[in-house]
Amino acid sequence: MGKVDARADRASGEFVVNAVHEDEPFTASMTEAVHDELDGFAAWLGLRIA
């Protein structure tokens, strides 16, 4: 499906997403789902998306 290049920068309180790599082109709903998952993961870590 794809891969995410991201890191948790706890010093700044940010979850930094450098890139989302699509193995196959994402549909609009897949793109939205990936963004939702990244938002949820950042929240779970107690960080904000940068």
PDB file of N, CA and C in Angstrom:
ATOM      1  N   MET A   1       0.826  -1.185   0.000  1.00  0.00           N
ATOM      2  CA  MET A   1       0.000   0.000   0.000  1.00  0.00           C
ATOM      3  C   MET A   1       0.871   1.249   0.000  1.00  0.00           C
ATOM      4  N   GLY A   2       1.769   1.392   0.991  1.00  0.00           N
ATOM      5  CA  GLY A   2       2.618   2.571   1.036  1.00  0.00           C
ATOM      6  C   GLY A   2       3.500   2.579   2.265  1.00  0.00           C
ATOM      7  N   LYS A   3       4.311   3.602   2.370  1.00  0.00           N
ATOM      8  CA  LYS A   3       5.236   3.751   3.491  1.00  0.00           C
ATOM      9  C   LYS A   3       5.224   5.208   3.930  1.00  0.00           C
ATOM     10  N   VAL A   4       5.566   5.417   5.189  1.00  0.00           N
ATOM     11  CA  VAL A   4       5.620   6.767   5.742  1.00  0.00           C
ATOM     12  C   VAL A   4       7.015   7.027   6.277  1.00  0.00           C
ATOM     13  N   ASP A   5       7.580   8.164   5.917  1.00  0.00           N
ATOM     14  CA  ASP A   5       8.855   8.621   6.454  1.00  0.00           C
ATOM     15  C   ASP A   5       8.503   9.684   7.498  1.00  0.00           C
ATOM     16  N   ALA A   6       8.567   9.297   8.773  1.00  0.00           N
ATOM     17  CA  ALA A   6       8.149  10.207   9.839  1.00  0.00           C
ATOM     18  C   ALA A   6       9.020   9.988  11.069  1.00  0.00           C
ATOM     19  N   ARG A   7       8.983  10.983  11.952  1.00  0.00           N
ATOM     20  CA  ARG A   7       9.724  10.858  13.203  1.00  0.00           C
ATOM     21  C   ARG A   7       9.014  11.666  14.282  1.00  0.00           C
ATOM     22  N   ALA A   8       9.185  11.230  15.501  1.00  0.00           N
ATOM     23  CA  ALA A   8       8.645  11.939  16.659  1.00  0.00           C
ATOM     24  C   ALA A   8       9.742  12.843  17.205  1.00  0.00           C
ATOM     25  N   ASP A   9       9.541  14.142  17.149  1.00  0.00           N
ATOM     26  CA  ASP A   9      10.480  15.110  17.708  1.00  0.00           C
ATOM     27  C   ASP A   9       9.905  15.563  19.041  1.00  0.00           C
ATOM     28  N   ARG A  10      10.225  14.819  20.067  1.00  0.00           N
ATOM     29  CA  ARG A  10       9.642  15.088  21.385  1.00  0.00           C
ATOM     30  C   ARG A  10      10.104  16.417  21.961  1.00  0.00           C
ATOM     31  N   ALA A  11      11.303  16.864  21.615  1.00  0.00           N
ATOM     32  CA  ALA A  11      11.805  18.139  22.128  1.00  0.00           C
ATOM     33  C   ALA A  11      10.921  19.303  21.680  1.00  0.00           C
ATOM     34  N   SER A  12      10.441  19.240  20.436  1.00  0.00           N
ATOM     35  CA  SER A  12       9.594  20.318  19.916  1.00  0.00           C
ATOM     36  C   SER A  12       8.109  20.001  20.057  1.00  0.00           C
ATOM     37  N   GLY A  13       7.795  18.747  20.428  1.00  0.00           N
ATOM     38  CA  GLY A  13       6.397  18.346  20.554  1.00  0.00           C
ATOM     39  C   GLY A  13       5.723  18.080  19.229  1.00  0.00           C
ATOM     40  N   GLU A  14       6.527  17.779  18.204  1.00  0.00           N
ATOM     41  CA  GLU A  14       5.983  17.597  16.861  1.00  0.00           C
ATOM     42  C   GLU A  14       6.192  16.176  16.335  1.00  0.00           C
ATOM     43  N   PHE A  15       5.217  15.708  15.589  1.00  0.00           N
ATOM     44  CA  PHE A  15       5.321  14.476  14.810  1.00  0.00           C
ATOM     45  C   PHE A  15       5.568  14.931  13.385  1.00  0.00           C
ATOM     46  N   VAL A  16       6.775  14.731  12.897  1.00  0.00           N
ATOM     47  CA  VAL A  16       7.200  15.254  11.602  1.00  0.00           C
ATOM     48  C   VAL A  16       7.021  14.191  10.533  1.00  0.00           C
ATOM     49  N   VAL A  17       6.184  14.470   9.557  1.00  0.00           N
ATOM     50  CA  VAL A  17       5.978  13.568   8.431  1.00  0.00           C
ATOM     51  C   VAL A  17       6.753  14.148   7.249  1.00  0.00           C
ATOM     52  N   ASN A  18       7.852  13.486   6.906  1.00  0.00           N
ATOM     53  CA  ASN A  18       8.688  13.960   5.799  1.00  0.00           C
ATOM     54  C   ASN A  18       8.116  13.572   4.445  1.00  0.00           C
ATOM     55  N   ALA A  19       7.515  12.389   4.376  1.00  0.00           N
ATOM     56  CA  ALA A  19       6.971  11.935   3.093  1.00  0.00           C
ATOM     57  C   ALA A  19       6.036  10.753   3.317  1.00  0.00           C
ATOM     58  N   VAL A  20       5.087  10.628   2.407  1.00  0.00           N
ATOM     59  CA  VAL A  20       4.234   9.448   2.316  1.00  0.00           C
ATOM     60  C   VAL A  20       4.483   8.880   0.923  1.00  0.00           C
ATOM     61  N   HIS A  21       4.959   7.636   0.884  1.00  0.00           N
ATOM     62  CA  HIS A  21       5.293   6.993  -0.394  1.00  0.00           C
ATOM     63  C   HIS A  21       4.178   6.021  -0.766  1.00  0.00           C
ATOM     64  N   GLU A  22       3.577   6.228  -1.903  1.00  0.00           N
ATOM     65  CA  GLU A  22       2.486   5.379  -2.382  1.00  0.00           C
ATOM     66  C   GLU A  22       3.055   4.271  -3.266  1.00  0.00           C
ATOM     67  N   ASP A  23       2.848   3.002  -2.872  1.00  0.00           N
ATOM     68  CA  ASP A  23       3.273   1.896  -3.728  1.00  0.00           C
ATOM     69  C   ASP A  23       2.411   1.856  -4.990  1.00  0.00           C
ATOM     70  N   GLU A  24       1.156   2.147  -4.827  1.00  0.00           N
ATOM     71  CA  GLU A  24       0.194   2.309  -5.920  1.00  0.00           C
ATOM     72  C   GLU A  24      -0.503   3.644  -5.666  1.00  0.00           C
ATOM     73  N   PRO A  25      -0.946   4.335  -6.689  1.00  0.00           N
ATOM     74  CA  PRO A  25      -1.621   5.615  -6.456  1.00  0.00           C
ATOM     75  C   PRO A  25      -2.811   5.462  -5.509  1.00  0.00           C
ATOM     76  N   PHE A  26      -2.884   6.362  -4.520  1.00  0.00           N
ATOM     77  CA  PHE A  26      -3.972   6.348  -3.555  1.00  0.00           C
ATOM     78  C   PHE A  26      -5.229   6.972  -4.157  1.00  0.00           C
ATOM     79  N   THR A  27      -6.352   6.426  -3.783  1.00  0.00           N
ATOM     80  CA  THR A  27      -7.617   7.087  -4.089  1.00  0.00           C
ATOM     81  C   THR A  27      -7.781   8.230  -3.092  1.00  0.00           C
ATOM     82  N   ALA A  28      -8.760   9.085  -3.329  1.00  0.00           N
ATOM     83  CA  ALA A  28      -9.007  10.196  -2.406  1.00  0.00           C
ATOM     84  C   ALA A  28      -9.356   9.672  -1.017  1.00  0.00           C
ATOM     85  N   SER A  29     -10.130   8.602  -0.951  1.00  0.00           N
ATOM     86  CA  SER A  29     -10.513   8.066   0.362  1.00  0.00           C
ATOM     87  C   SER A  29      -9.319   7.419   1.068  1.00  0.00           C
ATOM     88  N   MET A  30      -8.418   6.824   0.327  1.00  0.00           N
ATOM     89  CA  MET A  30      -7.211   6.258   0.931  1.00  0.00           C
ATOM     90  C   MET A  30      -6.319   7.370   1.481  1.00  0.00           C
ATOM     91  N   THR A  31      -6.163   8.445   0.734  1.00  0.00           N
ATOM     92  CA  THR A  31      -5.362   9.578   1.187  1.00  0.00           C
ATOM     93  C   THR A  31      -5.941  10.148   2.477  1.00  0.00           C
ATOM     94  N   GLU A  32      -7.252  10.300   2.527  1.00  0.00           N
ATOM     95  CA  GLU A  32      -7.915  10.804   3.722  1.00  0.00           C
ATOM     96  C   GLU A  32      -7.701   9.855   4.907  1.00  0.00           C
ATOM     97  N   ALA A  33      -7.785   8.557   4.646  1.00  0.00           N
ATOM     98  CA  ALA A  33      -7.596   7.568   5.707  1.00  0.00           C
ATOM     99  C   ALA A  33      -6.164   7.608   6.250  1.00  0.00           C
ATOM    100  N   VAL A  34      -5.188   7.766   5.379  1.00  0.00           N
ATOM    101  CA  VAL A  34      -3.788   7.856   5.815  1.00  0.00           C
ATOM    102  C   VAL A  34      -3.596   9.091   6.691  1.00  0.00           C
ATOM    103  N   HIS A  35      -4.155  10.223   6.269  1.00  0.00           N
ATOM    104  CA  HIS A  35      -4.043  11.454   7.060  1.00  0.00           C
ATOM    105  C   HIS A  35      -4.713  11.286   8.419  1.00  0.00           C
ATOM    106  N   ASP A  36      -5.878  10.649   8.435  1.00  0.00           N
ATOM    107  CA  ASP A  36      -6.577  10.404   9.703  1.00  0.00           C
ATOM    108  C   ASP A  36      -5.744   9.525  10.631  1.00  0.00           C
ATOM    109  N   GLU A  37      -5.130   8.484  10.081  1.00  0.00           N
ATOM    110  CA  GLU A  37      -4.305   7.588  10.894  1.00  0.00           C
ATOM    111  C   GLU A  37      -3.082   8.319  11.446  1.00  0.00           C
ATOM    112  N   LEU A  38      -2.448   9.146  10.624  1.00  0.00           N
ATOM    113  CA  LEU A  38      -1.283   9.898  11.093  1.00  0.00           C
ATOM    114  C   LEU A  38      -1.686  10.902  12.176  1.00  0.00           C
ATOM    115  N   ASP A  39      -2.826  11.563  12.000  1.00  0.00           N
ATOM    116  CA  ASP A  39      -3.327  12.477  13.037  1.00  0.00           C
ATOM    117  C   ASP A  39      -3.572  11.724  14.336  1.00  0.00           C
ATOM    118  N   GLY A  40      -4.203  10.559  14.243  1.00  0.00           N
ATOM    119  CA  GLY A  40      -4.483   9.757  15.426  1.00  0.00           C
ATOM    120  C   GLY A  40      -3.223   9.265  16.104  1.00  0.00           C
ATOM    121  N   PHE A  41      -2.243   8.858  15.322  1.00  0.00           N
ATOM    122  CA  PHE A  41      -0.984   8.377  15.878  1.00  0.00           C
ATOM    123  C   PHE A  41      -0.246   9.504  16.597  1.00  0.00           C
ATOM    124  N   ALA A  42      -0.215  10.682  15.962  1.00  0.00           N
ATOM    125  CA  ALA A  42       0.423  11.831  16.596  1.00  0.00           C
ATOM    126  C   ALA A  42      -0.265  12.164  17.912  1.00  0.00           C
ATOM    127  N   ALA A  43      -1.583  12.142  17.919  1.00  0.00           N
ATOM    128  CA  ALA A  43      -2.342  12.431  19.151  1.00  0.00           C
ATOM    129  C   ALA A  43      -2.028  11.384  20.215  1.00  0.00           C
ATOM    130  N   TRP A  44      -1.956  10.126  19.827  1.00  0.00           N
ATOM    131  CA  TRP A  44      -1.644   9.046  20.767  1.00  0.00           C
ATOM    132  C   TRP A  44      -0.276   9.257  21.394  1.00  0.00           C
ATOM    133  N   LEU A  45       0.660   9.787  20.597  1.00  0.00           N
ATOM    134  CA  LEU A  45       1.999  10.075  21.099  1.00  0.00           C
ATOM    135  C   LEU A  45       2.044  11.379  21.911  1.00  0.00           C
ATOM    136  N   GLY A  46       0.959  12.139  21.875  1.00  0.00           N
ATOM    137  CA  GLY A  46       0.928  13.419  22.560  1.00  0.00           C
ATOM    138  C   GLY A  46       1.657  14.515  21.813  1.00  0.00           C
ATOM    139  N   LEU A  47       1.723  14.383  20.473  1.00  0.00           N
ATOM    140  CA  LEU A  47       2.431  15.335  19.630  1.00  0.00           C
ATOM    141  C   LEU A  47       1.475  15.969  18.640  1.00  0.00           C
ATOM    142  N   ARG A  48       1.904  17.060  18.041  1.00  0.00           N
ATOM    143  CA  ARG A  48       1.115  17.669  16.973  1.00  0.00           C
ATOM    144  C   ARG A  48       1.823  17.413  15.638  1.00  0.00           C
ATOM    145  N   ILE A  49       1.045  17.347  14.586  1.00  0.00           N
ATOM    146  CA  ILE A  49       1.592  17.111  13.240  1.00  0.00           C
ATOM    147  C   ILE A  49       2.318  18.380  12.776  1.00  0.00           C
ATOM    148  N   ALA A  50       3.524  18.203  12.277  1.00  0.00           N
ATOM    149  CA  ALA A  50       4.296  19.346  11.757  1.00  0.00           C
ATOM    150  C   ALA A  50       4.305  19.292  10.250  1.00  0.00           C
TER     151      ALA A  50
END
